[in-house]
Amino acid sequence: MSQLTANVLLLAGGIGVLYFGAEWLVQGAARMAASLGVHPIVVGLTVVSLGTSAPELVVSLVAALGGNPDLAMGNVMGSNLANIGLILGLTAIVRPLKVAARIVHREVPLMLGITAGLYPLVWDRTLGRTDGFVLVGLLVLYLLFVFRSAGKEDPAVLGEYESFARASQHLTSRWRMRDVGLILAGCVGLVFGGTAIVHGAVFVATTLGISQLVIGLTAVAVGTSLPELATSVVAAVRNEADIAVGNVIGSNIFNIAAILGITASVTPIAIDRSVLTAELPAVLLLSLIVWPLTRTAFRIRRWEGALLLGTYLVLASWLVLPAFVG
C-alpha cells in the first residue's frame, strides 16, 4: 500500500472516528443537561450546536498548533458553506422547513453580523490572540442572551424542543454515569479523529500539490459537518424544523466565534489572501441568500433548498477548481 493510499484511508478513518466522537459527546451532554433540568431550547441552541461544532474545533486547533493555519481556516470557511448550502439545502429538499420568527429576527442577523465582522479582524491577514479574545467574548454574550431569553420562546417552539428531547434522550438520573462515559469517549474520539484527519489531509495536499486551504474547504469541511447533517435531517424528518434550522445557524455562529476565537486565543492564525478575496465573501454571500428565503412565509421550500444546494455547488467549484486547473 502506497503512502498516499494509506493517508487517504487515515483521512477517511479520522472523519469516521470524529463523527462518532461528536455523536457520543452530543448524546451524553444533551442527556446530562436535560436530566439536570436545563431547558430543552437551551440544550438545542448551546449543547447540540457546540457538540456538533466540536469536530471543527479539534481539527482547527490541531492544525493551527501543528503549523497548518490554512487547513484550520479552510475547515471553518468550508464548514460554514456546507452548513448552509449542503446541509440546509438537502434538509429542505427532504422536507420543507418552517422557520420560527426567532431564527429569522435573531439568529440569522447574528450569523450575518459575526460573519461580516470577521473582515476587520482578518484584514491584516492575521487572526491574533486579541482578535480571538474578541470572538470568544462575542460568544459569551450570545450564550448569555440565549439563556436569558429561553423562557420567552413561543410555546410551539418550546414544544418542538421538548418533543425532540424526549424522543432522543432518557431524562433520568440513572443515566448520568453512562452519559459521563459517552462524553469522555466522545472527547477521546474527537482528539484521535482530529489528529488523524490533520495528518492525512496535510500529506494528501502535499503529495497532490494542492493547498491545505482547498483540502480544508472540501474533504475536511464536509467530513466535520457530518454531525450537523445528521442532526438536521433527523430533526426535519421528525417535523421539528426549528431544531434543523437552529442547529445550522447556531453552528455557523459557533464556528466563527468559538472555533476561530478559541484557536486564535491559543495560537495566532496566519490568513491567506484568498480568504479575504474568495472564501469569506462566498460564506457571506450564501449567508445573505438565506435571510430573504427564511423571511418569505417563514418557510424554506423545496425549490429554495435546491437553490441553496445549487449555489453551494457553484461556489465550491469556483473556490476549488483553480487549484486543479492551475
C-alpha atoms as a PDB file:
ATOM      1  CA  MET A   1       0.000   0.000   0.000  1.00  0.00           C
ATOM      2  CA  SER A   2       1.396   3.382  -1.016  1.00  0.00           C
ATOM      3  CA  GLN A   3       1.817   6.213   1.475  1.00  0.00           C
ATOM      4  CA  LEU A   4      -0.801   8.274  -0.397  1.00  0.00           C
ATOM      5  CA  THR A   5      -3.389   5.497  -0.173  1.00  0.00           C
ATOM      6  CA  ALA A   6      -2.587   4.954   3.498  1.00  0.00           C
ATOM      7  CA  ASN A   7      -3.077   8.655   4.272  1.00  0.00           C
ATOM      8  CA  VAL A   8      -6.305   8.842   2.265  1.00  0.00           C
ATOM      9  CA  LEU A   9      -7.571   5.938   4.393  1.00  0.00           C
ATOM     10  CA  LEU A  10      -6.274   7.728   7.508  1.00  0.00           C
ATOM     11  CA  LEU A  11      -8.206  10.860   6.484  1.00  0.00           C
ATOM     12  CA  ALA A  12     -11.392   8.852   5.854  1.00  0.00           C
ATOM     13  CA  GLY A  13     -10.976   6.863   9.059  1.00  0.00           C
ATOM     14  CA  GLY A  14     -10.348  10.051  11.034  1.00  0.00           C
ATOM     15  CA  ILE A  15     -13.604  11.515   9.716  1.00  0.00           C
ATOM     16  CA  GLY A  16     -15.446   8.367  10.834  1.00  0.00           C
ATOM     17  CA  VAL A  17     -13.918   8.442  14.320  1.00  0.00           C
ATOM     18  CA  LEU A  18     -14.612  12.183  14.533  1.00  0.00           C
ATOM     19  CA  TYR A  19     -18.253  11.646  13.579  1.00  0.00           C
ATOM     20  CA  PHE A  20     -18.880   9.024  16.252  1.00  0.00           C
ATOM     21  CA  GLY A  21     -16.950  11.073  18.799  1.00  0.00           C
ATOM     22  CA  ALA A  22     -19.210  14.056  18.155  1.00  0.00           C
ATOM     23  CA  GLU A  23     -22.335  11.867  18.300  1.00  0.00           C
ATOM     24  CA  TRP A  24     -21.332  10.395  21.669  1.00  0.00           C
ATOM     25  CA  LEU A  25     -20.459  13.827  23.018  1.00  0.00           C
ATOM     26  CA  VAL A  26     -23.790  15.325  21.910  1.00  0.00           C
ATOM     27  CA  GLN A  27     -25.842  12.403  23.235  1.00  0.00           C
ATOM     28  CA  GLY A  28     -24.100  12.341  26.595  1.00  0.00           C
ATOM     29  CA  ALA A  29     -24.019  16.111  27.086  1.00  0.00           C
ATOM     30  CA  ALA A  30     -27.619  16.651  25.953  1.00  0.00           C
ATOM     31  CA  ARG A  31     -28.983  13.921  28.209  1.00  0.00           C
ATOM     32  CA  MET A  32     -26.865  15.120  31.107  1.00  0.00           C
ATOM     33  CA  ALA A  33     -28.059  18.719  30.671  1.00  0.00           C
ATOM     34  CA  ALA A  34     -31.692  17.677  30.332  1.00  0.00           C
ATOM     35  CA  SER A  35     -31.527  15.398  33.388  1.00  0.00           C
ATOM     36  CA  LEU A  36     -30.200  18.359  35.382  1.00  0.00           C
ATOM     37  CA  GLY A  37     -33.208  20.442  34.373  1.00  0.00           C
ATOM     38  CA  VAL A  38     -31.656  22.607  31.664  1.00  0.00           C
ATOM     39  CA  HIS A  39     -34.331  23.998  29.329  1.00  0.00           C
ATOM     40  CA  PRO A  40     -34.704  21.992  26.076  1.00  0.00           C
ATOM     41  CA  ILE A  41     -34.286  25.021  23.812  1.00  0.00           C
ATOM     42  CA  VAL A  42     -31.083  25.947  25.645  1.00  0.00           C
ATOM     43  CA  VAL A  43     -29.846  22.376  25.132  1.00  0.00           C
ATOM     44  CA  GLY A  44     -30.615  22.657  21.426  1.00  0.00           C
ATOM     45  CA  LEU A  45     -29.057  26.059  20.852  1.00  0.00           C
ATOM     46  CA  THR A  46     -25.959  25.531  23.007  1.00  0.00           C
ATOM     47  CA  VAL A  47     -25.084  21.911  23.855  1.00  0.00           C
ATOM     48  CA  VAL A  48     -26.145  20.476  20.484  1.00  0.00           C
ATOM     49  CA  SER A  49     -24.656  23.325  18.429  1.00  0.00           C
ATOM     50  CA  LEU A  50     -21.415  23.268  20.426  1.00  0.00           C
ATOM     51  CA  GLY A  51     -21.225  19.491  20.250  1.00  0.00           C
ATOM     52  CA  THR A  52     -21.797  19.320  16.501  1.00  0.00           C
ATOM     53  CA  SER A  53     -19.137  22.042  16.081  1.00  0.00           C
ATOM     54  CA  ALA A  54     -16.634  20.100  18.205  1.00  0.00           C
ATOM     55  CA  PRO A  55     -15.074  18.329  15.179  1.00  0.00           C
ATOM     56  CA  GLU A  56     -14.239  21.663  13.556  1.00  0.00           C
ATOM     57  CA  LEU A  57     -12.779  22.920  16.849  1.00  0.00           C
ATOM     58  CA  VAL A  58     -10.500  19.911  17.321  1.00  0.00           C
ATOM     59  CA  VAL A  59      -9.335  19.872  13.689  1.00  0.00           C
ATOM     60  CA  SER A  60      -8.670  23.635  13.676  1.00  0.00           C
ATOM     61  CA  LEU A  61      -6.766  23.534  16.970  1.00  0.00           C
ATOM     62  CA  VAL A  62      -4.631  20.566  15.935  1.00  0.00           C
ATOM     63  CA  ALA A  63      -3.970  22.114  12.517  1.00  0.00           C
ATOM     64  CA  ALA A  64      -3.056  25.561  13.879  1.00  0.00           C
ATOM     65  CA  LEU A  65      -0.846  24.179  16.651  1.00  0.00           C
ATOM     66  CA  GLY A  66       0.868  21.980  14.079  1.00  0.00           C
ATOM     67  CA  GLY A  67       1.743  24.954  11.893  1.00  0.00           C
ATOM     68  CA  ASN A  68      -1.037  24.390   9.327  1.00  0.00           C
ATOM     69  CA  PRO A  69      -3.163  27.571   9.573  1.00  0.00           C
ATOM     70  CA  ASP A  70      -4.607  27.230   6.056  1.00  0.00           C
ATOM     71  CA  LEU A  71      -6.162  23.898   6.979  1.00  0.00           C
ATOM     72  CA  ALA A  72      -7.701  25.449  10.111  1.00  0.00           C
ATOM     73  CA  MET A  73      -9.187  28.418   8.255  1.00  0.00           C
ATOM     74  CA  GLY A  74     -10.293  26.318   5.277  1.00  0.00           C
ATOM     75  CA  ASN A  75     -12.057  23.946   7.645  1.00  0.00           C
ATOM     76  CA  VAL A  76     -14.139  26.743   9.219  1.00  0.00           C
ATOM     77  CA  MET A  77     -14.945  28.520   5.931  1.00  0.00           C
ATOM     78  CA  GLY A  78     -15.798  25.245   4.195  1.00  0.00           C
ATOM     79  CA  SER A  79     -17.923  24.051   7.119  1.00  0.00           C
ATOM     80  CA  ASN A  80     -19.967  27.257   7.155  1.00  0.00           C
ATOM     81  CA  LEU A  81     -20.527  26.961   3.408  1.00  0.00           C
ATOM     82  CA  ALA A  82     -21.527  23.298   3.762  1.00  0.00           C
ATOM     83  CA  ASN A  83     -23.814  24.020   6.723  1.00  0.00           C
ATOM     84  CA  ILE A  84     -25.937  26.486   4.755  1.00  0.00           C
ATOM     85  CA  GLY A  85     -25.714  25.208   1.189  1.00  0.00           C
ATOM     86  CA  LEU A  86     -25.289  21.464   1.548  1.00  0.00           C
ATOM     87  CA  ILE A  87     -26.973  20.680   4.873  1.00  0.00           C
ATOM     88  CA  LEU A  88     -29.775  23.261   4.974  1.00  0.00           C
ATOM     89  CA  GLY A  89     -30.349  22.786   1.234  1.00  0.00           C
ATOM     90  CA  LEU A  90     -30.564  18.983   1.450  1.00  0.00           C
ATOM     91  CA  THR A  91     -32.708  19.143   4.602  1.00  0.00           C
ATOM     92  CA  ALA A  92     -35.233  21.483   2.944  1.00  0.00           C
ATOM     93  CA  ILE A  93     -35.382  19.174  -0.079  1.00  0.00           C
ATOM     94  CA  VAL A  94     -36.137  16.217   2.234  1.00  0.00           C
ATOM     95  CA  ARG A  95     -38.872  18.215   3.987  1.00  0.00           C
ATOM     96  CA  PRO A  96     -39.798  21.913   3.577  1.00  0.00           C
ATOM     97  CA  LEU A  97     -38.741  23.767   6.712  1.00  0.00           C
ATOM     98  CA  LYS A  98     -40.994  26.083   8.677  1.00  0.00           C
ATOM     99  CA  VAL A  99     -38.748  28.654  10.360  1.00  0.00           C
ATOM    100  CA  ALA A 100     -39.549  30.299  13.703  1.00  0.00           C
ATOM    101  CA  ALA A 101     -39.681  34.086  13.789  1.00  0.00           C
ATOM    102  CA  ARG A 102     -36.955  33.983  16.455  1.00  0.00           C
ATOM    103  CA  ILE A 103     -34.491  32.475  14.000  1.00  0.00           C
ATOM    104  CA  VAL A 104     -35.379  34.983  11.270  1.00  0.00           C
ATOM    105  CA  HIS A 105     -35.194  38.034  13.521  1.00  0.00           C
ATOM    106  CA  ARG A 106     -32.347  36.984  15.847  1.00  0.00           C
ATOM    107  CA  GLU A 107     -30.121  34.059  14.831  1.00  0.00           C
ATOM    108  CA  VAL A 108     -29.801  34.814  11.099  1.00  0.00           C
ATOM    109  CA  PRO A 109     -28.894  38.516  11.612  1.00  0.00           C
ATOM    110  CA  LEU A 110     -26.410  37.451  14.308  1.00  0.00           C
ATOM    111  CA  MET A 111     -24.841  34.982  11.892  1.00  0.00           C
ATOM    112  CA  LEU A 112     -24.613  37.677   9.215  1.00  0.00           C
ATOM    113  CA  GLY A 113     -23.169  40.185  11.681  1.00  0.00           C
ATOM    114  CA  ILE A 114     -20.467  37.893  13.030  1.00  0.00           C
ATOM    115  CA  THR A 115     -19.529  36.728   9.501  1.00  0.00           C
ATOM    116  CA  ALA A 116     -19.190  40.307   8.247  1.00  0.00           C
ATOM    117  CA  GLY A 117     -17.469  41.286  11.500  1.00  0.00           C
ATOM    118  CA  LEU A 118     -14.704  38.806  10.765  1.00  0.00           C
ATOM    119  CA  TYR A 119     -13.482  41.040   7.931  1.00  0.00           C
ATOM    120  CA  PRO A 120     -11.867  43.802  10.034  1.00  0.00           C
ATOM    121  CA  LEU A 121     -10.287  41.185  12.311  1.00  0.00           C
ATOM    122  CA  VAL A 122      -8.518  39.358   9.456  1.00  0.00           C
ATOM    123  CA  TRP A 123      -7.855  42.385   7.222  1.00  0.00           C
ATOM    124  CA  ASP A 124      -4.219  42.471   8.362  1.00  0.00           C
ATOM    125  CA  ARG A 125      -4.041  38.784   7.327  1.00  0.00           C
ATOM    126  CA  THR A 126      -3.531  37.622  10.902  1.00  0.00           C
ATOM    127  CA  LEU A 127      -6.082  36.465  13.437  1.00  0.00           C
ATOM    128  CA  GLY A 128      -4.176  37.237  16.622  1.00  0.00           C
ATOM    129  CA  ARG A 129      -4.829  36.474  20.258  1.00  0.00           C
ATOM    130  CA  THR A 130      -6.608  39.795  20.808  1.00  0.00           C
ATOM    131  CA  ASP A 131      -8.904  39.022  17.874  1.00  0.00           C
ATOM    132  CA  GLY A 132      -9.510  35.581  19.370  1.00  0.00           C
ATOM    133  CA  PHE A 133     -10.470  37.083  22.721  1.00  0.00           C
ATOM    134  CA  VAL A 134     -12.905  39.434  20.945  1.00  0.00           C
ATOM    135  CA  LEU A 135     -14.593  36.483  19.217  1.00  0.00           C
ATOM    136  CA  VAL A 136     -14.767  34.460  22.438  1.00  0.00           C
ATOM    137  CA  GLY A 137     -16.264  37.500  24.171  1.00  0.00           C
ATOM    138  CA  LEU A 138     -18.962  37.701  21.489  1.00  0.00           C
ATOM    139  CA  LEU A 139     -19.667  34.001  22.009  1.00  0.00           C
ATOM    140  CA  VAL A 140     -20.109  34.507  25.763  1.00  0.00           C
ATOM    141  CA  LEU A 141     -22.532  37.395  25.150  1.00  0.00           C
ATOM    142  CA  TYR A 142     -24.502  35.248  22.694  1.00  0.00           C
ATOM    143  CA  LEU A 143     -24.739  32.350  25.159  1.00  0.00           C
ATOM    144  CA  LEU A 144     -25.885  34.673  27.949  1.00  0.00           C
ATOM    145  CA  PHE A 145     -28.523  36.097  25.629  1.00  0.00           C
ATOM    146  CA  VAL A 146     -29.757  32.594  24.730  1.00  0.00           C
ATOM    147  CA  PHE A 147     -30.042  31.592  28.384  1.00  0.00           C
ATOM    148  CA  ARG A 148     -31.849  34.800  29.363  1.00  0.00           C
ATOM    149  CA  SER A 149     -34.377  34.549  26.531  1.00  0.00           C
ATOM    150  CA  ALA A 150     -35.026  30.778  26.749  1.00  0.00           C
ATOM    151  CA  GLY A 151     -38.173  31.107  28.835  1.00  0.00           C
ATOM    152  CA  LYS A 152     -39.686  33.714  26.486  1.00  0.00           C
ATOM    153  CA  GLU A 153     -39.869  31.481  23.415  1.00  0.00           C
ATOM    154  CA  ASP A 154     -43.095  30.796  21.567  1.00  0.00           C
ATOM    155  CA  PRO A 155     -44.954  27.785  23.095  1.00  0.00           C
ATOM    156  CA  ALA A 156     -44.911  25.968  19.737  1.00  0.00           C
ATOM    157  CA  VAL A 157     -41.122  26.299  19.541  1.00  0.00           C
ATOM    158  CA  LEU A 158     -40.686  25.141  23.121  1.00  0.00           C
ATOM    159  CA  GLY A 159     -42.919  22.162  22.345  1.00  0.00           C
ATOM    160  CA  GLU A 160     -40.705  21.202  19.400  1.00  0.00           C
ATOM    161  CA  TYR A 161     -37.569  21.178  21.511  1.00  0.00           C
ATOM    162  CA  GLU A 162     -39.324  19.316  24.322  1.00  0.00           C
ATOM    163  CA  SER A 163     -40.566  16.698  21.846  1.00  0.00           C
ATOM    164  CA  PHE A 164     -37.118  16.333  20.299  1.00  0.00           C
ATOM    165  CA  ALA A 165     -35.505  15.938  23.721  1.00  0.00           C
ATOM    166  CA  ARG A 166     -37.991  13.300  24.860  1.00  0.00           C
ATOM    167  CA  ALA A 167     -37.701  11.334  21.615  1.00  0.00           C
ATOM    168  CA  SER A 168     -33.918  11.151  21.725  1.00  0.00           C
ATOM    169  CA  GLN A 169     -32.951  11.225  25.408  1.00  0.00           C
ATOM    170  CA  HIS A 170     -33.696   9.381  28.665  1.00  0.00           C
ATOM    171  CA  LEU A 171     -34.005  12.160  31.176  1.00  0.00           C
ATOM    172  CA  THR A 172     -33.405  10.274  34.424  1.00  0.00           C
ATOM    173  CA  SER A 173     -30.528  10.462  36.852  1.00  0.00           C
ATOM    174  CA  ARG A 174     -29.716   6.725  36.488  1.00  0.00           C
ATOM    175  CA  TRP A 175     -28.307   7.529  33.045  1.00  0.00           C
ATOM    176  CA  ARG A 176     -25.794  10.046  34.326  1.00  0.00           C
ATOM    177  CA  MET A 177     -22.850   7.676  34.705  1.00  0.00           C
ATOM    178  CA  ARG A 178     -23.471   6.329  31.212  1.00  0.00           C
ATOM    179  CA  ASP A 179     -23.664   9.912  29.955  1.00  0.00           C
ATOM    180  CA  VAL A 180     -20.331  10.754  31.586  1.00  0.00           C
ATOM    181  CA  GLY A 181     -18.852   7.724  29.830  1.00  0.00           C
ATOM    182  CA  LEU A 182     -20.294   8.869  26.492  1.00  0.00           C
ATOM    183  CA  ILE A 183     -18.877  12.372  26.994  1.00  0.00           C
ATOM    184  CA  LEU A 184     -15.408  11.013  27.803  1.00  0.00           C
ATOM    185  CA  ALA A 185     -15.496   8.544  24.890  1.00  0.00           C
ATOM    186  CA  GLY A 186     -16.650  11.348  22.599  1.00  0.00           C
ATOM    187  CA  CYS A 187     -13.785  13.592  23.662  1.00  0.00           C
ATOM    188  CA  VAL A 188     -11.242  10.808  23.080  1.00  0.00           C
ATOM    189  CA  GLY A 189     -12.759  10.100  19.659  1.00  0.00           C
ATOM    190  CA  LEU A 190     -12.603  13.763  18.730  1.00  0.00           C
ATOM    191  CA  VAL A 191      -8.933  14.058  19.659  1.00  0.00           C
ATOM    192  CA  PHE A 192      -7.847  10.895  17.834  1.00  0.00           C
ATOM    193  CA  GLY A 193     -10.080  11.575  14.849  1.00  0.00           C
ATOM    194  CA  GLY A 194      -8.974  15.190  14.562  1.00  0.00           C
ATOM    195  CA  THR A 195      -5.305  14.260  14.737  1.00  0.00           C
ATOM    196  CA  ALA A 196      -5.751  11.582  12.062  1.00  0.00           C
ATOM    197  CA  ILE A 197      -7.616  13.998   9.775  1.00  0.00           C
ATOM    198  CA  VAL A 198      -4.965  16.701  10.022  1.00  0.00           C
ATOM    199  CA  HIS A 199      -2.097  14.265   9.443  1.00  0.00           C
ATOM    200  CA  GLY A 200      -3.834  12.620   6.491  1.00  0.00           C
ATOM    201  CA  ALA A 201      -5.027  15.886   4.940  1.00  0.00           C
ATOM    202  CA  VAL A 202      -1.600  17.551   5.127  1.00  0.00           C
ATOM    203  CA  PHE A 203       0.075  14.538   3.492  1.00  0.00           C
ATOM    204  CA  VAL A 204      -2.543  14.271   0.728  1.00  0.00           C
ATOM    205  CA  ALA A 205      -2.378  18.012  -0.031  1.00  0.00           C
ATOM    206  CA  THR A 206       1.421  17.974  -0.140  1.00  0.00           C
ATOM    207  CA  THR A 207       1.566  14.859  -2.311  1.00  0.00           C
ATOM    208  CA  LEU A 208      -1.034  16.081  -4.823  1.00  0.00           C
ATOM    209  CA  GLY A 209       0.413  19.574  -4.920  1.00  0.00           C
ATOM    210  CA  ILE A 210      -2.755  21.364  -3.839  1.00  0.00           C
ATOM    211  CA  SER A 211      -3.147  23.808  -0.997  1.00  0.00           C
ATOM    212  CA  GLN A 212      -4.215  22.858   2.515  1.00  0.00           C
ATOM    213  CA  LEU A 213      -6.875  25.564   2.199  1.00  0.00           C
ATOM    214  CA  VAL A 214      -8.532  23.588  -0.613  1.00  0.00           C
ATOM    215  CA  ILE A 215      -8.380  20.318   1.346  1.00  0.00           C
ATOM    216  CA  GLY A 216      -9.865  22.147   4.331  1.00  0.00           C
ATOM    217  CA  LEU A 217     -12.667  23.618   2.187  1.00  0.00           C
ATOM    218  CA  THR A 218     -13.641  20.262   0.718  1.00  0.00           C
ATOM    219  CA  ALA A 219     -12.913  16.875   2.280  1.00  0.00           C
ATOM    220  CA  VAL A 220     -12.195  18.082   5.820  1.00  0.00           C
ATOM    221  CA  ALA A 221     -15.066  20.616   5.904  1.00  0.00           C
ATOM    222  CA  VAL A 222     -17.690  18.196   4.622  1.00  0.00           C
ATOM    223  CA  GLY A 223     -16.385  15.444   6.887  1.00  0.00           C
ATOM    224  CA  THR A 224     -16.516  17.580  10.024  1.00  0.00           C
ATOM    225  CA  SER A 225     -20.015  18.804   9.049  1.00  0.00           C
ATOM    226  CA  LEU A 226     -21.484  15.283   9.209  1.00  0.00           C
ATOM    227  CA  PRO A 227     -22.846  15.766  12.781  1.00  0.00           C
ATOM    228  CA  GLU A 228     -24.770  18.885  11.657  1.00  0.00           C
ATOM    229  CA  LEU A 229     -26.123  16.963   8.654  1.00  0.00           C
ATOM    230  CA  ALA A 230     -27.284  14.031  10.789  1.00  0.00           C
ATOM    231  CA  THR A 231     -28.881  16.280  13.425  1.00  0.00           C
ATOM    232  CA  SER A 232     -30.692  18.485  10.891  1.00  0.00           C
ATOM    233  CA  VAL A 233     -32.037  15.657   8.707  1.00  0.00           C
ATOM    234  CA  VAL A 234     -33.307  13.698  11.735  1.00  0.00           C
ATOM    235  CA  ALA A 235     -34.989  16.835  13.113  1.00  0.00           C
ATOM    236  CA  ALA A 236     -36.591  17.591   9.720  1.00  0.00           C
ATOM    237  CA  VAL A 237     -37.902  14.030   9.346  1.00  0.00           C
ATOM    238  CA  ARG A 238     -39.438  14.373  12.817  1.00  0.00           C
ATOM    239  CA  ASN A 239     -41.047  17.624  11.611  1.00  0.00           C
ATOM    240  CA  GLU A 240     -39.041  19.716  14.085  1.00  0.00           C
ATOM    241  CA  ALA A 241     -37.847  22.368  11.662  1.00  0.00           C
ATOM    242  CA  ASP A 242     -36.707  24.859  14.288  1.00  0.00           C
ATOM    243  CA  ILE A 243     -34.110  22.398  15.536  1.00  0.00           C
ATOM    244  CA  ALA A 244     -32.921  21.684  11.981  1.00  0.00           C
ATOM    245  CA  VAL A 245     -32.542  25.358  11.067  1.00  0.00           C
ATOM    246  CA  GLY A 246     -31.416  26.481  14.520  1.00  0.00           C
ATOM    247  CA  ASN A 247     -28.700  23.810  14.559  1.00  0.00           C
ATOM    248  CA  VAL A 248     -27.240  25.028  11.251  1.00  0.00           C
ATOM    249  CA  ILE A 249     -27.403  28.740  12.072  1.00  0.00           C
ATOM    250  CA  GLY A 250     -26.144  28.167  15.611  1.00  0.00           C
ATOM    251  CA  SER A 251     -23.262  26.030  14.361  1.00  0.00           C
ATOM    252  CA  ASN A 252     -22.175  28.759  11.942  1.00  0.00           C
ATOM    253  CA  ILE A 253     -22.121  31.266  14.795  1.00  0.00           C
ATOM    254  CA  PHE A 254     -20.101  28.832  16.934  1.00  0.00           C
ATOM    255  CA  ASN A 255     -17.711  28.015  14.083  1.00  0.00           C
ATOM    256  CA  ILE A 256     -16.576  31.623  13.843  1.00  0.00           C
ATOM    257  CA  ALA A 257     -16.912  32.790  17.446  1.00  0.00           C
ATOM    258  CA  ALA A 258     -15.877  29.621  19.281  1.00  0.00           C
ATOM    259  CA  ILE A 259     -13.604  27.769  16.876  1.00  0.00           C
ATOM    260  CA  LEU A 260     -11.694  30.673  15.353  1.00  0.00           C
ATOM    261  CA  GLY A 261     -11.872  32.536  18.666  1.00  0.00           C
ATOM    262  CA  ILE A 262     -10.503  29.698  20.807  1.00  0.00           C
ATOM    263  CA  THR A 263      -7.945  28.651  18.198  1.00  0.00           C
ATOM    264  CA  ALA A 264      -6.617  32.204  17.732  1.00  0.00           C
ATOM    265  CA  SER A 265      -6.528  32.698  21.516  1.00  0.00           C
ATOM    266  CA  VAL A 266      -4.245  29.654  21.785  1.00  0.00           C
ATOM    267  CA  THR A 267      -2.077  30.403  18.745  1.00  0.00           C
ATOM    268  CA  PRO A 268      -2.337  33.258  16.174  1.00  0.00           C
ATOM    269  CA  ILE A 269      -3.571  32.179  12.725  1.00  0.00           C
ATOM    270  CA  ALA A 270      -1.964  33.474   9.519  1.00  0.00           C
ATOM    271  CA  ILE A 271      -4.642  34.320   6.937  1.00  0.00           C
ATOM    272  CA  ASP A 272      -4.132  33.584   3.240  1.00  0.00           C
ATOM    273  CA  ARG A 273      -5.090  36.416   0.868  1.00  0.00           C
ATOM    274  CA  SER A 274      -7.689  34.186  -0.833  1.00  0.00           C
ATOM    275  CA  VAL A 275      -9.675  34.107   2.434  1.00  0.00           C
ATOM    276  CA  LEU A 276     -10.290  37.855   2.019  1.00  0.00           C
ATOM    277  CA  THR A 277     -10.981  37.740  -1.711  1.00  0.00           C
ATOM    278  CA  ALA A 278     -12.801  34.428  -2.141  1.00  0.00           C
ATOM    279  CA  GLU A 279     -13.615  32.172   0.848  1.00  0.00           C
ATOM    280  CA  LEU A 280     -15.050  34.743   3.249  1.00  0.00           C
ATOM    281  CA  PRO A 281     -17.048  36.573   0.514  1.00  0.00           C
ATOM    282  CA  ALA A 282     -18.507  33.198  -0.543  1.00  0.00           C
ATOM    283  CA  VAL A 283     -19.620  32.428   3.027  1.00  0.00           C
ATOM    284  CA  LEU A 284     -21.097  35.930   3.384  1.00  0.00           C
ATOM    285  CA  LEU A 285     -22.948  35.630   0.053  1.00  0.00           C
ATOM    286  CA  LEU A 286     -24.551  32.313   0.969  1.00  0.00           C
ATOM    287  CA  SER A 287     -25.457  33.702   4.405  1.00  0.00           C
ATOM    288  CA  LEU A 288     -27.112  36.711   2.747  1.00  0.00           C
ATOM    289  CA  ILE A 289     -29.150  34.439   0.471  1.00  0.00           C
ATOM    290  CA  VAL A 290     -30.575  32.558   3.465  1.00  0.00           C
ATOM    291  CA  TRP A 291     -32.103  35.636   5.085  1.00  0.00           C
ATOM    292  CA  PRO A 292     -34.730  36.525   2.430  1.00  0.00           C
ATOM    293  CA  LEU A 293     -35.536  32.834   1.978  1.00  0.00           C
ATOM    294  CA  THR A 294     -36.382  32.443   5.675  1.00  0.00           C
ATOM    295  CA  ARG A 295     -38.419  35.658   5.655  1.00  0.00           C
ATOM    296  CA  THR A 296     -40.783  34.521   2.879  1.00  0.00           C
ATOM    297  CA  ALA A 297     -43.700  32.972   4.786  1.00  0.00           C
ATOM    298  CA  PHE A 298     -41.133  31.883   7.427  1.00  0.00           C
ATOM    299  CA  ARG A 299     -40.518  28.730   5.409  1.00  0.00           C
ATOM    300  CA  ILE A 300     -37.716  27.242   3.299  1.00  0.00           C
ATOM    301  CA  ARG A 301     -39.448  25.409   0.459  1.00  0.00           C
ATOM    302  CA  ARG A 302     -38.022  22.527  -1.571  1.00  0.00           C
ATOM    303  CA  TRP A 303     -37.123  24.734  -4.533  1.00  0.00           C
ATOM    304  CA  GLU A 304     -35.397  27.144  -2.155  1.00  0.00           C
ATOM    305  CA  GLY A 305     -33.454  24.219  -0.682  1.00  0.00           C
ATOM    306  CA  ALA A 306     -32.453  23.281  -4.244  1.00  0.00           C
ATOM    307  CA  LEU A 307     -31.353  26.904  -4.793  1.00  0.00           C
ATOM    308  CA  LEU A 308     -29.142  26.780  -1.688  1.00  0.00           C
ATOM    309  CA  LEU A 309     -27.652  23.444  -2.737  1.00  0.00           C
ATOM    310  CA  GLY A 310     -27.029  24.656  -6.302  1.00  0.00           C
ATOM    311  CA  THR A 311     -25.427  27.878  -5.073  1.00  0.00           C
ATOM    312  CA  TYR A 312     -23.189  25.886  -2.745  1.00  0.00           C
ATOM    313  CA  LEU A 313     -22.022  23.633  -5.585  1.00  0.00           C
ATOM    314  CA  VAL A 314     -21.275  26.639  -7.797  1.00  0.00           C
ATOM    315  CA  LEU A 315     -19.359  28.468  -5.051  1.00  0.00           C
ATOM    316  CA  ALA A 316     -17.455  25.334  -4.015  1.00  0.00           C
ATOM    317  CA  SER A 317     -16.452  24.717  -7.639  1.00  0.00           C
ATOM    318  CA  TRP A 318     -15.369  28.356  -8.026  1.00  0.00           C
ATOM    319  CA  LEU A 319     -13.199  28.091  -4.921  1.00  0.00           C
ATOM    320  CA  VAL A 320     -11.675  24.694  -5.649  1.00  0.00           C
ATOM    321  CA  LEU A 321     -11.256  24.382  -9.443  1.00  0.00           C
ATOM    322  CA  PRO A 322      -8.437  26.989  -9.802  1.00  0.00           C
ATOM    323  CA  ALA A 323      -6.231  24.804  -7.568  1.00  0.00           C
ATOM    324  CA  PHE A 324      -6.539  21.942 -10.047  1.00  0.00           C
ATOM    325  CA  VAL A 325      -6.628  23.938 -13.294  1.00  0.00           C
ATOM    326  CA  GLY A 326      -3.611  25.987 -12.262  1.00  0.00           C
END
